[in-house]
C-alpha atoms as a PDB file:
ATOM      1  CA  MET A   1       1.713  72.072 262.468  1.00  0.00           C
ATOM      2  CA  LEU A   2       5.004  72.216 264.388  1.00  0.00           C
ATOM      3  CA  LEU A   3       3.122  71.404 267.617  1.00  0.00           C
ATOM      4  CA  TRP A   4       1.656  68.236 266.028  1.00  0.00           C
ATOM      5  CA  LEU A   5       5.082  67.180 264.766  1.00  0.00           C
ATOM      6  CA  ASN A   6       6.597  67.590 268.240  1.00  0.00           C
ATOM      7  CA  LEU A   7       3.756  65.610 269.836  1.00  0.00           C
ATOM      8  CA  ALA A   8       4.091  62.840 267.240  1.00  0.00           C
ATOM      9  CA  ILE A   9       7.814  62.542 267.943  1.00  0.00           C
ATOM     10  CA  LEU A  10       7.336  62.567 271.726  1.00  0.00           C
ATOM     11  CA  TRP A  11       4.575  59.943 271.710  1.00  0.00           C
ATOM     12  CA  SER A  12       5.973  57.650 269.051  1.00  0.00           C
ATOM     13  CA  THR A  13       7.916  54.492 269.757  1.00  0.00           C
ATOM     14  CA  PRO A  14      11.602  55.394 269.767  1.00  0.00           C
ATOM     15  CA  CYS A  15      13.710  53.958 266.970  1.00  0.00           C
ATOM     16  CA  TRP A  16      17.336  54.798 267.565  1.00  0.00           C
ATOM     17  CA  ALA A  17      19.905  54.142 264.872  1.00  0.00           C
ATOM     18  CA  ASP A  18      23.218  52.628 265.891  1.00  0.00           C
ATOM     19  CA  GLN A  19      25.931  55.215 266.541  1.00  0.00           C
ATOM     20  CA  MET A  20      28.644  55.611 263.920  1.00  0.00           C
ATOM     21  CA  TYR A  21      31.854  57.394 264.895  1.00  0.00           C
ATOM     22  CA  GLY A  22      33.986  59.396 262.485  1.00  0.00           C
ATOM     23  CA  ASN A  23      33.344  61.213 259.227  1.00  0.00           C
ATOM     24  CA  ALA A  24      31.181  58.367 257.890  1.00  0.00           C
ATOM     25  CA  ARG A  25      31.476  58.990 254.161  1.00  0.00           C
ATOM     26  CA  GLY A  26      31.846  56.488 251.372  1.00  0.00           C
ATOM     27  CA  THR A  27      30.745  52.899 250.856  1.00  0.00           C
ATOM     28  CA  TYR A  28      28.810  51.227 253.684  1.00  0.00           C
ATOM     29  CA  PHE A  29      29.903  47.887 255.180  1.00  0.00           C
ATOM     30  CA  SER A  30      28.461  45.667 257.889  1.00  0.00           C
ATOM     31  CA  SER A  31      29.745  42.424 259.377  1.00  0.00           C
ATOM     32  CA  THR A  32      27.665  39.317 258.859  1.00  0.00           C
ATOM     33  CA  PRO A  33      26.323  37.897 262.125  1.00  0.00           C
ATOM     34  CA  ASP A  34      27.587  34.492 263.201  1.00  0.00           C
ATOM     35  CA  ASN A  35      24.802  32.670 265.026  1.00  0.00           C
ATOM     36  CA  THR A  36      27.103  29.862 266.198  1.00  0.00           C
ATOM     37  CA  ASN A  37      30.237  31.550 267.587  1.00  0.00           C
ATOM     38  CA  ASP A  38      31.091  34.664 269.555  1.00  0.00           C
ATOM     39  CA  ILE A  39      33.937  36.923 268.424  1.00  0.00           C
ATOM     40  CA  SER A  40      37.259  35.302 269.309  1.00  0.00           C
ATOM     41  CA  GLY A  41      39.632  37.869 267.815  1.00  0.00           C
ATOM     42  CA  ILE A  42      40.039  41.085 265.876  1.00  0.00           C
ATOM     43  CA  ARG A  43      42.542  42.019 263.172  1.00  0.00           C
ATOM     44  CA  VAL A  44      43.129  45.663 262.238  1.00  0.00           C
ATOM     45  CA  SER A  45      45.244  46.963 259.338  1.00  0.00           C
ATOM     46  CA  VAL A  46      46.891  50.390 259.523  1.00  0.00           C
ATOM     47  CA  SER A  47      48.422  52.297 256.591  1.00  0.00           C
ATOM     48  CA  PRO A  48      51.949  53.768 256.655  1.00  0.00           C
ATOM     49  CA  ILE A  49      50.413  57.219 257.242  1.00  0.00           C
ATOM     50  CA  GLY A  50      48.410  56.015 260.245  1.00  0.00           C
ATOM     51  CA  ILE A  51      44.930  55.444 258.824  1.00  0.00           C
ATOM     52  CA  ILE A  52      42.877  52.405 259.885  1.00  0.00           C
ATOM     53  CA  ARG A  53      42.424  50.633 256.556  1.00  0.00           C
ATOM     54  CA  SER A  54      40.388  47.604 257.581  1.00  0.00           C
ATOM     55  CA  VAL A  55      38.920  45.515 260.365  1.00  0.00           C
ATOM     56  CA  GLN A  56      38.403  41.771 260.379  1.00  0.00           C
ATOM     57  CA  LEU A  57      36.605  39.724 263.038  1.00  0.00           C
ATOM     58  CA  ARG A  58      37.301  36.156 264.058  1.00  0.00           C
ATOM     59  CA  TYR A  59      34.285  34.016 264.994  1.00  0.00           C
ATOM     60  CA  GLY A  60      35.340  30.734 266.570  1.00  0.00           C
ATOM     61  CA  SER A  61      38.370  29.725 264.445  1.00  0.00           C
ATOM     62  CA  ASN A  62      37.286  31.467 261.214  1.00  0.00           C
ATOM     63  CA  TRP A  63      38.112  35.008 260.083  1.00  0.00           C
ATOM     64  CA  SER A  64      35.385  37.135 258.512  1.00  0.00           C
ATOM     65  CA  GLU A  65      35.803  39.015 255.284  1.00  0.00           C
ATOM     66  CA  ILE A  66      37.861  42.214 255.415  1.00  0.00           C
ATOM     67  CA  TYR A  67      35.775  45.313 256.167  1.00  0.00           C
ATOM     68  CA  GLY A  68      37.441  48.366 254.664  1.00  0.00           C
ATOM     69  CA  VAL A  69      40.214  48.427 252.067  1.00  0.00           C
ATOM     70  CA  SER A  70      43.093  46.009 251.626  1.00  0.00           C
ATOM     71  CA  GLY A  71      46.693  46.816 252.453  1.00  0.00           C
ATOM     72  CA  GLY A  72      48.568  48.182 255.428  1.00  0.00           C
ATOM     73  CA  TRP A  73      50.112  46.348 258.352  1.00  0.00           C
ATOM     74  CA  ALA A  74      47.752  43.940 260.067  1.00  0.00           C
ATOM     75  CA  THR A  75      47.875  43.259 263.791  1.00  0.00           C
ATOM     76  CA  GLU A  76      45.607  40.753 265.473  1.00  0.00           C
ATOM     77  CA  PHE A  77      44.360  40.374 269.021  1.00  0.00           C
ATOM     78  CA  LEU A  78      43.051  36.923 269.956  1.00  0.00           C
ATOM     79  CA  LEU A  79      40.673  36.386 272.849  1.00  0.00           C
ATOM     80  CA  GLY A  80      40.859  33.590 275.372  1.00  0.00           C
ATOM     81  CA  PRO A  81      38.046  31.300 276.522  1.00  0.00           C
ATOM     82  CA  ASP A  82      35.144  33.253 278.067  1.00  0.00           C
ATOM     83  CA  GLU A  83      36.817  36.541 277.027  1.00  0.00           C
ATOM     84  CA  TYR A  84      34.746  39.150 275.221  1.00  0.00           C
ATOM     85  CA  ILE A  85      35.237  42.676 273.878  1.00  0.00           C
ATOM     86  CA  ILE A  86      33.196  45.018 276.077  1.00  0.00           C
ATOM     87  CA  GLY A  87      34.458  48.462 275.102  1.00  0.00           C
ATOM     88  CA  LEU A  88      36.071  50.460 272.353  1.00  0.00           C
ATOM     89  CA  VAL A  89      37.919  53.785 272.294  1.00  0.00           C
ATOM     90  CA  GLY A  90      39.095  55.484 269.146  1.00  0.00           C
ATOM     91  CA  SER A  91      39.920  58.687 267.351  1.00  0.00           C
ATOM     92  CA  HIS A  92      39.302  60.102 263.903  1.00  0.00           C
ATOM     93  CA  ARG A  93      39.945  62.969 261.563  1.00  0.00           C
ATOM     94  CA  ILE A  94      38.837  62.386 257.979  1.00  0.00           C
ATOM     95  CA  TYR A  95      39.580  58.693 258.557  1.00  0.00           C
ATOM     96  CA  ILE A  96      39.600  56.500 261.666  1.00  0.00           C
ATOM     97  CA  ARG A  97      43.123  56.752 263.095  1.00  0.00           C
ATOM     98  CA  TYR A  98      43.070  54.802 266.340  1.00  0.00           C
ATOM     99  CA  LEU A  99      41.153  51.924 267.910  1.00  0.00           C
ATOM    100  CA  VAL A 100      41.548  50.335 271.330  1.00  0.00           C
ATOM    101  CA  VAL A 101      39.465  47.295 272.311  1.00  0.00           C
ATOM    102  CA  TYR A 102      38.915  46.307 275.948  1.00  0.00           C
ATOM    103  CA  THR A 103      37.879  42.895 277.244  1.00  0.00           C
ATOM    104  CA  ASN A 104      35.941  41.660 280.245  1.00  0.00           C
ATOM    105  CA  LEU A 105      39.194  40.164 281.600  1.00  0.00           C
ATOM    106  CA  GLY A 106      40.956  43.546 281.721  1.00  0.00           C
ATOM    107  CA  ARG A 107      43.075  43.025 278.609  1.00  0.00           C
ATOM    108  CA  TRP A 108      43.256  45.543 275.788  1.00  0.00           C
ATOM    109  CA  ALA A 109      44.847  46.068 272.384  1.00  0.00           C
ATOM    110  CA  ALA A 110      45.603  49.346 270.577  1.00  0.00           C
ATOM    111  CA  PHE A 111      45.753  49.817 266.800  1.00  0.00           C
ATOM    112  CA  GLY A 112      47.084  52.968 265.100  1.00  0.00           C
ATOM    113  CA  LYS A 113      47.922  56.271 266.810  1.00  0.00           C
ATOM    114  CA  GLU A 114      45.597  58.609 268.640  1.00  0.00           C
ATOM    115  CA  SER A 115      44.922  61.695 266.525  1.00  0.00           C
ATOM    116  CA  GLY A 116      41.937  63.993 266.153  1.00  0.00           C
ATOM    117  CA  TYR A 117      38.550  63.636 267.815  1.00  0.00           C
ATOM    118  CA  THR A 118      38.129  60.826 270.333  1.00  0.00           C
ATOM    119  CA  PHE A 119      35.124  58.585 270.890  1.00  0.00           C
ATOM    120  CA  THR A 120      34.122  55.831 273.290  1.00  0.00           C
ATOM    121  CA  ALA A 121      31.683  52.988 272.682  1.00  0.00           C
ATOM    122  CA  SER A 122      30.276  50.568 275.228  1.00  0.00           C
ATOM    123  CA  PRO A 123      27.103  48.504 275.505  1.00  0.00           C
ATOM    124  CA  SER A 124      23.992  50.104 276.958  1.00  0.00           C
ATOM    125  CA  GLU A 125      23.258  47.076 279.145  1.00  0.00           C
ATOM    126  CA  PRO A 126      25.518  45.010 281.420  1.00  0.00           C
ATOM    127  CA  GLY A 127      26.448  41.619 280.021  1.00  0.00           C
ATOM    128  CA  LYS A 128      26.379  42.665 276.368  1.00  0.00           C
ATOM    129  CA  ILE A 129      29.491  42.152 274.242  1.00  0.00           C
ATOM    130  CA  LEU A 130      30.794  43.133 270.810  1.00  0.00           C
ATOM    131  CA  THR A 131      29.030  41.019 268.187  1.00  0.00           C
ATOM    132  CA  GLY A 132      29.815  42.939 264.994  1.00  0.00           C
ATOM    133  CA  VAL A 133      30.969  46.132 263.307  1.00  0.00           C
ATOM    134  CA  PHE A 134      29.645  48.413 260.600  1.00  0.00           C
ATOM    135  CA  GLY A 135      30.852  51.588 258.986  1.00  0.00           C
ATOM    136  CA  GLN A 136      31.877  53.392 255.850  1.00  0.00           C
ATOM    137  CA  THR A 137      35.049  53.356 253.800  1.00  0.00           C
ATOM    138  CA  GLN A 138      36.742  55.390 251.073  1.00  0.00           C
ATOM    139  CA  ALA A 139      39.908  54.890 249.021  1.00  0.00           C
ATOM    140  CA  LEU A 140      42.426  55.223 251.883  1.00  0.00           C
ATOM    141  CA  GLY A 141      40.563  53.466 254.688  1.00  0.00           C
ATOM    142  CA  ILE A 142      37.657  53.504 257.120  1.00  0.00           C
ATOM    143  CA  THR A 143      35.926  56.889 257.493  1.00  0.00           C
ATOM    144  CA  GLY A 144      33.349  55.827 260.081  1.00  0.00           C
ATOM    145  CA  ILE A 145      32.860  52.869 262.389  1.00  0.00           C
ATOM    146  CA  GLY A 146      30.083  51.595 264.598  1.00  0.00           C
ATOM    147  CA  VAL A 147      29.718  48.551 266.804  1.00  0.00           C
ATOM    148  CA  LYS A 148      26.963  46.024 267.415  1.00  0.00           C
ATOM    149  CA  TRP A 149      26.369  44.824 270.975  1.00  0.00           C
ATOM    150  CA  ASP A 150      24.396  41.784 272.105  1.00  0.00           C
ATOM    151  CA  TYR A 151      24.517  39.031 274.690  1.00  0.00           C
ATOM    152  CA  PRO A 152      27.076  36.215 274.267  1.00  0.00           C
ATOM    153  CA  LEU A 153      25.997  33.055 272.470  1.00  0.00           C
ATOM    154  CA  ALA A 154      28.225  30.866 274.629  1.00  0.00           C
ATOM    155  CA  VAL A 155      26.621  30.650 278.024  1.00  0.00           C
ATOM    156  CA  PRO A 156      28.971  29.646 280.841  1.00  0.00           C
ATOM    157  CA  PRO A 157      28.024  26.322 282.421  1.00  0.00           C
ATOM    158  CA  SER A 158      25.643  26.743 285.329  1.00  0.00           C
ATOM    159  CA  GLN A 159      26.815  26.068 288.844  1.00  0.00           C
ATOM    160  CA  PRO A 160      25.280  23.040 290.563  1.00  0.00           C
ATOM    161  CA  PRO A 161      22.859  24.075 293.304  1.00  0.00           C
ATOM    162  CA  LEU A 162      24.382  24.427 296.745  1.00  0.00           C
ATOM    163  CA  THR A 163      23.269  21.712 299.101  1.00  0.00           C
ATOM    164  CA  THR A 164      23.494  21.486 302.815  1.00  0.00           C
ATOM    165  CA  GLY A 165      23.799  18.388 304.887  1.00  0.00           C
ATOM    166  CA  ASN A 166      20.694  16.536 306.111  1.00  0.00           C
ATOM    167  CA  ASN A 167      18.712  17.460 302.972  1.00  0.00           C
ATOM    168  CA  GLY A 168      18.486  21.092 304.022  1.00  0.00           C
ATOM    169  CA  LYS A 169      16.910  20.291 307.445  1.00  0.00           C
END
């Protein structure tokens, strides 16, 4: 029976769940996709004892709902035109304690203080960007966080074709 189970797993189509970092206990949350705008900012609230309480995403000029619990000191990081979040580093104990976001233009923003176990998240394919977050939360803050990666909605304008004199002759 064990042999058949192993063969079924090996020959089945893989279905990998998104990675969640941290303790991941409590109430589940997931950002709502915005099919019109890419993420243009992130706001993170940290409690006085250094726990990440909530995350909020900005799509275009509108902020999403708050994911996590209310309260704490909020700090926001706004992105420029054609700037995208392409990486995340963080740390956790019982709760998420530290988040750093990195952009394609070499900028970064840190929230909280590094403490506990560290993690790193980046897209599996070049060109993908942060498009959402999900996780779990309890009374004091976020216990687990995961990220959604996809290609940008806003496609940079294409370059006109290069031409040579004499119609290419």
